[in-house]
Amino acid sequence: MSISFNFTSFNKENITVKRDASIKPDGTIQLAEPSYFSAGRAYYNKPVHLWDNSTGRLTVMDFTTHFYFIIQPVNKGVSADGIALFIAPFDYEFSDNHNSSGAFLGLFINESALDVTQNQIVAVEFDTFKNTEFRDHPSDNHVGIDVNSIVSNTSVTWPSSIKNGSTVYAWVSYNSKTQNLSVFLNDADNLVFGENSSVSVIVC
């Protein structure tokens, strides 16, 4: 089975937005307002089948997604905490209180952010702030892969500032045979494969 999507713009017919997220008139998604403790989420409003049980056992199918994003700070002195691409069950219940803003990227809450038994989220975080309490990468600008916890299983430095307002290109893919989730990141204006930040992790 093969499923593909190609969104050149977004609208409320195919995307659901929560909290402070909004769909702008030009068809782009703004995930947060330019204010403190603002956070939002956007997701496809229909369930997507990522499982293959044709072999008699339930396995995740291969998938690939690529997209562009911009992180524009309110001012150069204040910018946190980034954005994340996430996969979760369609009926997964997120908390929409302020406990999920900031370092929790609108996905986790303080009370359970470290408890892998309470979360069902795989996320690729494009982080702009180092949170030492979550053992973040030494650099403010880093890309991490989170599996059921805000603590990244692995992370890598993004060599330039993610929050400089430039357009960034991201490519995320999963290989079901190796159970490897990989992320490739590069400046959209200089797409030179091989000169990039990339990270991968085994997701069982």
Protein backbone atom coordinates (compact mmCIF):
# COMPACT_ATOMS: atom_id res chain seq x y z
CA MET A 1 0.00 0.00 0.00
CA SER A 2 1.29 3.45 -0.91
CA ILE A 3 0.04 6.80 0.43
CA SER A 4 1.30 10.20 -0.66
CA PHE A 5 0.51 13.82 0.17
CA ASN A 6 1.68 17.02 -1.47
CA PHE A 7 0.63 20.21 0.29
CA THR A 8 1.64 23.39 -1.50
CA SER A 9 -0.51 25.33 0.97
CA PHE A 10 -2.71 24.56 3.95
CA ASN A 11 -6.36 25.18 4.81
CA LYS A 12 -8.84 24.20 7.51
CA GLU A 13 -10.32 21.50 5.29
CA ASN A 14 -7.21 19.35 5.69
CA ILE A 15 -5.39 20.73 8.74
CA THR A 16 -6.57 21.07 12.34
CA VAL A 17 -4.88 23.74 14.45
CA LYS A 18 -4.84 23.90 18.24
CA ARG A 19 -4.01 26.51 20.87
CA ASP A 20 -2.17 29.47 19.32
CA ALA A 21 -1.56 27.89 15.90
CA SER A 22 -3.30 29.45 12.89
CA ILE A 23 -3.48 29.11 9.14
CA LYS A 24 -2.50 32.37 7.47
CA PRO A 25 -4.18 33.83 4.35
CA ASP A 26 -1.18 32.80 2.22
CA GLY A 27 -1.71 29.14 3.16
CA THR A 28 1.20 28.85 5.61
CA ILE A 29 0.89 27.67 9.20
CA GLN A 30 1.97 29.87 12.11
CA LEU A 31 2.46 27.64 15.14
CA ALA A 32 2.78 30.29 17.84
CA GLU A 33 2.11 33.93 18.55
CA PRO A 34 5.04 36.35 19.03
CA SER A 35 4.67 36.32 22.81
CA TYR A 36 5.96 34.46 25.85
CA PHE A 37 4.64 30.94 26.60
CA SER A 38 2.82 30.70 23.28
CA ALA A 39 2.52 27.26 21.70
CA GLY A 40 0.42 25.59 19.06
CA ARG A 41 -0.05 22.38 17.12
CA ALA A 42 -1.16 21.57 13.60
CA TYR A 43 -1.96 18.14 12.25
CA TYR A 44 -3.64 16.39 9.34
CA ASN A 45 -7.30 15.99 10.25
CA LYS A 46 -7.68 12.39 9.12
CA PRO A 47 -5.91 9.28 10.43
CA VAL A 48 -3.03 8.03 8.29
CA HIS A 49 -2.37 4.28 8.21
CA LEU A 50 1.32 3.67 8.93
CA TRP A 51 1.04 0.02 9.87
CA ASP A 52 1.45 -3.07 7.71
CA ASN A 53 0.01 -6.36 8.98
CA SER A 54 0.18 -8.26 5.68
CA THR A 55 3.07 -10.36 6.98
CA GLY A 56 1.09 -11.55 9.98
CA ARG A 57 2.77 -9.19 12.40
CA LEU A 58 2.18 -5.50 12.89
CA THR A 59 5.07 -3.38 11.61
CA VAL A 60 5.51 0.28 10.76
CA MET A 61 5.74 0.95 7.04
CA ASP A 62 8.49 2.99 5.41
CA PHE A 63 7.70 6.67 5.15
CA THR A 64 9.35 9.88 4.03
CA THR A 65 8.36 13.50 4.43
CA HIS A 66 10.08 16.72 3.50
CA PHE A 67 9.08 20.31 4.16
CA TYR A 68 10.27 23.87 4.62
CA PHE A 69 9.97 25.97 7.76
CA ILE A 70 11.01 29.35 9.16
CA ILE A 71 11.65 30.28 12.79
CA GLN A 72 11.39 34.04 13.14
CA PRO A 73 12.27 35.39 16.63
CA VAL A 74 10.44 38.35 18.15
CA ASN A 75 13.87 39.84 18.77
CA LYS A 76 17.40 38.44 18.66
CA GLY A 77 17.65 38.33 22.44
CA VAL A 78 14.51 36.26 23.02
CA SER A 79 13.85 33.10 21.05
CA ALA A 80 12.73 29.71 22.33
CA ASP A 81 12.05 26.91 22.06
CA GLY A 82 11.64 25.75 18.48
CA ILE A 83 9.24 23.44 16.64
CA ALA A 84 8.76 19.70 16.21
CA LEU A 85 7.38 17.30 13.64
CA PHE A 86 5.46 14.61 15.52
CA ILE A 87 3.67 11.31 14.98
CA ALA A 88 1.08 10.18 17.50
CA PRO A 89 -2.10 8.07 17.57
CA PHE A 90 -4.98 9.95 15.96
CA ASP A 91 -7.02 9.90 19.19
CA TYR A 92 -4.05 10.81 21.39
CA GLU A 93 -5.04 13.35 24.06
CA PHE A 94 -2.68 16.31 24.30
CA SER A 95 -2.79 18.80 27.13
CA ASP A 96 -3.58 22.31 25.94
CA ASN A 97 -2.66 24.12 29.14
CA HIS A 98 0.39 26.33 29.53
CA ASN A 99 2.40 23.42 30.96
CA SER A 100 3.05 22.32 27.37
CA SER A 101 4.64 25.54 26.12
CA GLY A 102 8.31 26.48 26.00
CA ALA A 103 10.67 23.54 26.25
CA PHE A 104 7.78 21.08 25.95
CA LEU A 105 7.16 22.19 22.33
CA GLY A 106 3.37 21.98 22.66
CA LEU A 107 3.57 18.17 22.85
CA PHE A 108 4.53 17.21 26.39
CA ILE A 109 3.61 18.51 29.84
CA ASN A 110 5.84 19.03 32.85
CA GLU A 111 4.24 16.26 34.91
CA SER A 112 4.91 13.46 32.42
CA ALA A 113 7.48 14.79 29.94
CA LEU A 114 10.13 12.30 31.11
CA ASP A 115 7.84 9.29 31.60
CA VAL A 116 8.03 7.07 28.52
CA THR A 117 5.14 4.96 29.82
CA GLN A 118 2.69 7.88 29.65
CA ASN A 119 3.53 9.26 26.20
CA GLN A 120 2.90 7.90 22.70
CA ILE A 121 4.81 10.40 20.59
CA VAL A 122 7.74 10.24 18.22
CA ALA A 123 9.00 13.73 17.46
CA VAL A 124 11.78 15.38 15.51
CA GLU A 125 12.62 18.60 17.33
CA PHE A 126 14.23 21.62 15.72
CA ASP A 127 15.32 23.24 18.95
CA THR A 128 16.53 26.80 19.45
CA PHE A 129 17.23 26.70 23.19
CA LYS A 130 19.38 24.45 25.36
CA ASN A 131 17.43 23.04 28.32
CA THR A 132 20.03 21.44 30.58
CA GLU A 133 17.35 19.85 32.76
CA PHE A 134 16.38 17.71 29.75
CA ARG A 135 19.99 16.87 28.87
CA ASP A 136 19.74 18.88 25.67
CA HIS A 137 22.55 19.05 23.14
CA PRO A 138 25.35 21.45 24.19
CA SER A 139 24.33 23.86 21.42
CA ASP A 140 21.20 26.02 21.52
CA ASN A 141 20.64 25.18 17.86
CA HIS A 142 20.19 21.44 17.52
CA VAL A 143 18.06 18.75 15.94
CA GLY A 144 16.89 15.88 18.13
CA ILE A 145 14.76 12.75 17.89
CA ASP A 146 12.42 12.17 20.83
CA VAL A 147 10.69 8.85 21.52
CA ASN A 148 7.93 9.09 24.16
CA SER A 149 9.93 11.67 26.14
CA ILE A 150 11.12 15.26 25.83
CA VAL A 151 14.67 13.95 26.35
CA SER A 152 16.14 13.30 22.92
CA ASN A 153 17.43 9.82 22.17
CA THR A 154 20.02 11.47 19.95
CA SER A 155 20.76 14.98 18.69
CA VAL A 156 23.15 16.93 16.51
CA THR A 157 24.20 20.57 16.21
CA TRP A 158 22.71 22.69 13.46
CA PRO A 159 25.82 24.62 12.27
CA SER A 160 23.99 27.91 11.69
CA SER A 161 21.22 29.53 13.68
CA ILE A 162 17.84 27.90 13.12
CA LYS A 163 16.23 31.05 14.51
CA ASN A 164 17.75 33.55 12.07
CA GLY A 165 14.56 33.81 10.02
CA SER A 166 15.92 31.95 6.99
CA THR A 167 14.06 29.13 5.26
CA VAL A 168 15.16 25.67 6.37
CA TYR A 169 14.63 22.42 4.46
CA ALA A 170 14.00 19.21 6.41
CA TRP A 171 13.81 15.63 5.19
CA VAL A 172 12.62 12.88 7.57
CA SER A 173 12.52 9.20 6.62
CA TYR A 174 11.91 5.86 8.32
CA ASN A 175 13.29 2.51 7.15
CA SER A 176 11.15 -0.31 8.53
CA LYS A 177 13.77 -3.00 7.84
CA THR A 178 16.44 -1.29 9.92
CA GLN A 179 13.91 0.54 12.17
CA ASN A 180 15.98 3.64 11.55
CA LEU A 181 14.47 7.14 11.69
CA SER A 182 16.72 9.66 9.94
CA VAL A 183 16.64 13.45 9.69
CA PHE A 184 18.44 15.66 7.19
CA LEU A 185 18.51 19.45 7.58
CA ASN A 186 19.90 22.16 5.32
CA ASP A 187 19.48 25.79 4.31
CA ALA A 188 16.80 26.00 1.64
CA ASP A 189 18.88 28.54 -0.29
CA ASN A 190 21.90 26.23 -0.35
CA LEU A 191 20.67 22.67 -0.82
CA VAL A 192 24.01 20.91 -1.06
CA PHE A 193 23.60 17.30 0.02
CA GLY A 194 26.53 16.22 2.13
CA GLU A 195 26.94 19.67 3.71
CA ASN A 196 24.23 19.42 6.33
CA SER A 197 23.17 18.34 9.77
CA SER A 198 21.82 14.81 9.93
CA VAL A 199 20.86 12.50 12.78
CA SER A 200 19.28 9.06 13.05
CA VAL A 201 18.03 6.68 15.74
CA ILE A 202 16.61 3.17 15.97
CA VAL A 203 12.88 3.38 16.75
CA CYS A 204 11.38 0.04 17.78
